[in-house]
Amino acid sequence: MFNTLKIGAVCITALVLAVPASASTYWATGVDWTAGDGTSGTSGRYDKSNALGDPSDPGPIDFLSLGLSDYDGSTYSKGFADFTFGKTFKGNASGEVFEVTWGNRSGYLETAKVFVGLNGVFTDVADIVNSVGTGLQFNYTGEFDTVRILDTTRFESNSQSPRSTDGFDIDAVGVTAPVPLPPAALALGAALAGLGYVGRRRKQA
């Protein structure tokens, strides 16, 4: 009987541990914006809340313009925004930046760098450009709780007066990451494994 119990416990434990974690997409819930050049107007595009939530939010102007940064290839002090999600991501994660450009994308080049950060330390993970579409992707394996997007339009266009007047425009930022198994499922697996161990000890006695 105990041998059967042990085998059953081991099999169920294996099943619990083999269940793959599902993935979920988390949209930014907070943003800290350091405005760049060209953002002195009163247009709705300078409302930080426009870049929060998913990209389906309605409105004629539903995006945040970062402003043209002073990025010189290594340093910068403006024209970027830090997005938070109310959680820390661990392991393999992918992200997507939804950008808005009206008219001819190739005629209004806007570029940006994507960083991921934890405790104020940031890692450069991607370069994105509006000419390729609205869903601009990046990937990272590690731990982070912040996504920083820095406008690089001047740097990439090699011009201090690019056609874009207020930098990269962000509608939404999302991160897709695995959802870990609930503690109850892991506890069940451990408990069943323990029962199997007890059964084996009793049989040996």
Protein backbone atom coordinates (compact mmCIF):
# COMPACT_ATOMS: atom_id res chain seq x y z
CA MET A 1 0.00 0.00 0.00
CA PHE A 2 2.74 2.42 0.98
CA ASN A 3 4.63 1.65 -2.22
CA THR A 4 1.53 2.52 -4.25
CA LEU A 5 1.13 5.71 -2.25
CA LYS A 6 4.75 6.62 -2.90
CA ILE A 7 4.43 6.08 -6.64
CA GLY A 8 1.22 8.08 -6.73
CA ALA A 9 2.79 10.91 -4.77
CA VAL A 10 5.83 11.05 -7.05
CA CYS A 11 3.67 11.01 -10.20
CA ILE A 12 1.37 13.78 -8.97
CA THR A 13 4.35 15.84 -7.84
CA ALA A 14 5.93 15.48 -11.27
CA LEU A 15 2.71 16.61 -12.89
CA VAL A 16 2.49 19.67 -10.66
CA LEU A 17 6.08 20.67 -11.36
CA ALA A 18 5.74 19.98 -15.09
CA VAL A 19 2.77 22.30 -15.59
CA PRO A 20 4.12 25.27 -17.56
CA ALA A 21 3.51 28.72 -16.14
CA SER A 22 1.07 30.72 -18.23
CA ALA A 23 1.97 34.18 -19.48
CA SER A 24 0.17 37.45 -18.92
CA THR A 25 0.58 40.98 -20.27
CA TYR A 26 0.92 43.81 -17.76
CA TRP A 27 0.31 47.40 -18.86
CA ALA A 28 2.10 50.33 -17.26
CA THR A 29 0.28 51.75 -14.25
CA GLY A 30 2.72 54.53 -13.38
CA VAL A 31 5.03 56.89 -15.26
CA ASP A 32 7.69 59.41 -14.25
CA TRP A 33 8.40 61.74 -17.19
CA THR A 34 11.34 64.10 -17.71
CA ALA A 35 10.24 66.29 -20.62
CA GLY A 36 12.53 67.02 -23.54
CA ASP A 37 12.56 69.94 -25.97
CA GLY A 38 9.43 70.89 -27.87
CA THR A 39 6.96 70.05 -25.11
CA SER A 40 6.14 73.53 -23.84
CA GLY A 41 2.65 73.66 -25.40
CA THR A 42 -0.65 72.71 -23.80
CA SER A 43 -1.60 69.89 -26.18
CA GLY A 44 -3.06 66.71 -24.66
CA ARG A 45 -0.02 64.86 -25.92
CA TYR A 46 1.85 66.06 -22.84
CA ASP A 47 -0.54 64.33 -20.42
CA LYS A 48 1.40 61.50 -18.75
CA SER A 49 -1.73 59.43 -18.15
CA ASN A 50 -2.15 59.07 -21.93
CA ALA A 51 0.68 56.49 -21.93
CA LEU A 52 -0.83 54.31 -19.19
CA GLY A 53 -3.04 51.28 -19.65
CA ASP A 54 -3.52 49.30 -22.84
CA PRO A 55 -3.40 50.80 -26.36
CA SER A 56 -7.17 50.56 -26.88
CA ASP A 57 -7.97 53.66 -24.81
CA PRO A 58 -10.14 56.04 -26.84
CA GLY A 59 -9.38 59.68 -27.60
CA PRO A 60 -8.16 61.85 -30.49
CA ILE A 61 -4.84 62.44 -28.74
CA ASP A 62 -4.02 59.49 -26.52
CA PHE A 63 -0.25 59.44 -26.26
CA LEU A 64 2.65 61.04 -24.41
CA SER A 65 5.32 62.88 -26.43
CA LEU A 66 8.69 62.43 -24.71
CA GLY A 67 10.19 65.56 -26.22
CA LEU A 68 13.50 65.71 -28.06
CA SER A 69 16.25 64.55 -25.73
CA ASP A 70 19.84 65.74 -25.46
CA TYR A 71 21.18 62.20 -25.94
CA ASP A 72 24.70 62.27 -27.38
CA GLY A 73 25.34 58.56 -27.68
CA SER A 74 26.10 57.98 -24.01
CA THR A 75 24.57 60.60 -21.70
CA TYR A 76 21.24 62.42 -21.43
CA SER A 77 19.23 64.47 -18.94
CA LYS A 78 15.78 64.87 -20.53
CA GLY A 79 13.35 63.43 -23.05
CA PHE A 80 12.66 60.13 -21.30
CA ALA A 81 10.00 58.41 -19.19
CA ASP A 82 10.14 55.60 -16.64
CA PHE A 83 7.18 53.19 -16.68
CA THR A 84 6.26 50.96 -13.73
CA PHE A 85 3.80 48.08 -13.53
CA GLY A 86 3.22 47.45 -9.84
CA LYS A 87 5.38 44.32 -9.90
CA THR A 88 8.88 42.99 -10.48
CA PHE A 89 9.49 40.77 -13.49
CA LYS A 90 11.86 37.81 -13.29
CA GLY A 91 13.12 35.40 -15.94
CA ASN A 92 12.23 35.69 -19.61
CA ALA A 93 10.05 38.68 -20.44
CA SER A 94 9.09 40.47 -23.62
CA GLY A 95 7.77 43.98 -24.00
CA GLU A 96 5.96 46.08 -26.53
CA VAL A 97 5.84 49.84 -27.04
CA PHE A 98 2.87 51.29 -28.91
CA GLU A 99 3.78 54.47 -30.75
CA VAL A 100 1.58 57.00 -32.55
CA THR A 101 2.56 58.86 -35.73
CA TRP A 102 0.11 60.64 -38.01
CA GLY A 103 0.80 60.71 -41.72
CA ASN A 104 3.96 59.48 -43.38
CA ARG A 105 6.06 57.63 -40.82
CA SER A 106 9.19 57.65 -42.96
CA GLY A 107 8.94 61.44 -43.29
CA TYR A 108 8.78 61.98 -39.54
CA LEU A 109 11.53 59.80 -38.15
CA GLU A 110 11.25 59.25 -34.39
CA THR A 111 13.55 56.89 -32.55
CA ALA A 112 14.06 55.78 -28.98
CA LYS A 113 16.09 53.49 -26.76
CA VAL A 114 14.47 51.03 -24.37
CA PHE A 115 16.08 50.27 -21.01
CA VAL A 116 14.97 47.97 -18.19
CA GLY A 117 15.83 48.87 -14.62
CA LEU A 118 15.91 47.59 -11.07
CA ASN A 119 16.80 49.72 -8.04
CA GLY A 120 17.85 52.60 -10.28
CA VAL A 121 20.28 50.56 -12.39
CA PHE A 122 19.33 50.40 -16.09
CA THR A 123 20.31 48.10 -18.95
CA ASP A 124 19.99 49.06 -22.62
CA VAL A 125 17.90 46.35 -24.32
CA ALA A 126 16.57 47.73 -27.62
CA ASP A 127 16.47 50.52 -30.19
CA ILE A 128 13.04 51.25 -31.65
CA VAL A 129 11.90 53.39 -34.59
CA ASN A 130 8.43 54.56 -35.55
CA SER A 131 8.87 53.76 -39.24
CA VAL A 132 8.40 50.01 -38.69
CA GLY A 133 4.95 50.17 -37.09
CA THR A 134 3.13 50.63 -33.82
CA GLY A 135 4.05 47.47 -31.89
CA LEU A 136 7.76 47.85 -31.16
CA GLN A 137 9.17 44.89 -29.28
CA PHE A 138 12.00 44.18 -26.87
CA ASN A 139 13.13 41.14 -24.87
CA TYR A 140 15.06 40.67 -21.66
CA THR A 141 16.01 37.78 -19.40
CA GLY A 142 16.57 38.87 -15.83
CA GLU A 143 14.92 40.94 -13.13
CA PHE A 144 13.44 44.42 -13.57
CA ASP A 145 10.56 46.59 -12.38
CA THR A 146 10.91 49.63 -14.64
CA VAL A 147 10.98 50.26 -18.39
CA ARG A 148 12.69 53.49 -19.44
CA ILE A 149 12.09 54.90 -22.91
CA LEU A 150 14.51 57.59 -24.08
CA ASP A 151 13.97 59.68 -27.21
CA THR A 152 16.99 59.52 -29.57
CA THR A 153 15.49 61.27 -32.59
CA ARG A 154 18.18 63.95 -32.88
CA PHE A 155 21.00 61.45 -32.47
CA GLU A 156 19.69 58.95 -35.03
CA SER A 157 18.80 61.60 -37.61
CA ASN A 158 22.17 63.37 -37.13
CA SER A 159 20.30 66.64 -36.91
CA GLN A 160 19.57 69.13 -34.15
CA SER A 161 16.42 70.11 -36.07
CA PRO A 162 14.66 66.89 -37.16
CA ARG A 163 11.15 67.06 -38.66
CA SER A 164 9.75 65.64 -35.42
CA THR A 165 9.21 68.59 -33.10
CA ASP A 166 8.52 66.83 -29.80
CA GLY A 167 10.12 63.41 -29.97
CA PHE A 168 8.88 59.86 -29.63
CA ASP A 169 5.13 59.46 -28.96
CA ILE A 170 4.02 56.67 -26.59
CA ASP A 171 0.49 55.30 -26.43
CA ALA A 172 1.13 52.28 -24.20
CA VAL A 173 3.88 50.07 -22.77
CA GLY A 174 3.27 46.43 -21.94
CA VAL A 175 5.36 43.57 -20.57
CA THR A 176 4.47 39.92 -21.12
CA ALA A 177 5.93 37.60 -18.51
CA PRO A 178 5.30 34.11 -17.12
CA VAL A 179 2.78 33.78 -14.32
CA PRO A 180 4.29 31.49 -11.64
CA LEU A 181 2.33 28.56 -10.25
CA PRO A 182 0.30 29.53 -7.20
CA PRO A 183 1.91 28.63 -3.85
CA ALA A 184 -0.93 26.18 -3.14
CA ALA A 185 0.01 24.04 -6.15
CA LEU A 186 3.67 23.95 -5.16
CA ALA A 187 2.73 23.15 -1.56
CA LEU A 188 0.53 20.26 -2.75
CA GLY A 189 3.41 18.82 -4.73
CA ALA A 190 5.76 19.08 -1.74
CA ALA A 191 3.20 17.50 0.59
CA LEU A 192 2.59 14.55 -1.71
CA ALA A 193 6.32 14.03 -2.11
CA GLY A 194 6.59 14.00 1.66
CA LEU A 195 3.88 11.34 1.94
CA GLY A 196 5.78 9.21 -0.55
CA TYR A 197 8.95 9.53 1.52
CA VAL A 198 7.11 8.54 4.72
CA GLY A 199 5.60 5.53 2.98
CA ARG A 200 9.00 4.35 1.84
CA ARG A 201 10.50 4.73 5.33
CA ARG A 202 7.67 2.71 6.88
CA LYS A 203 8.10 -0.10 4.38
CA GLN A 204 11.84 -0.27 5.06
CA ALA A 205 11.11 -0.46 8.82
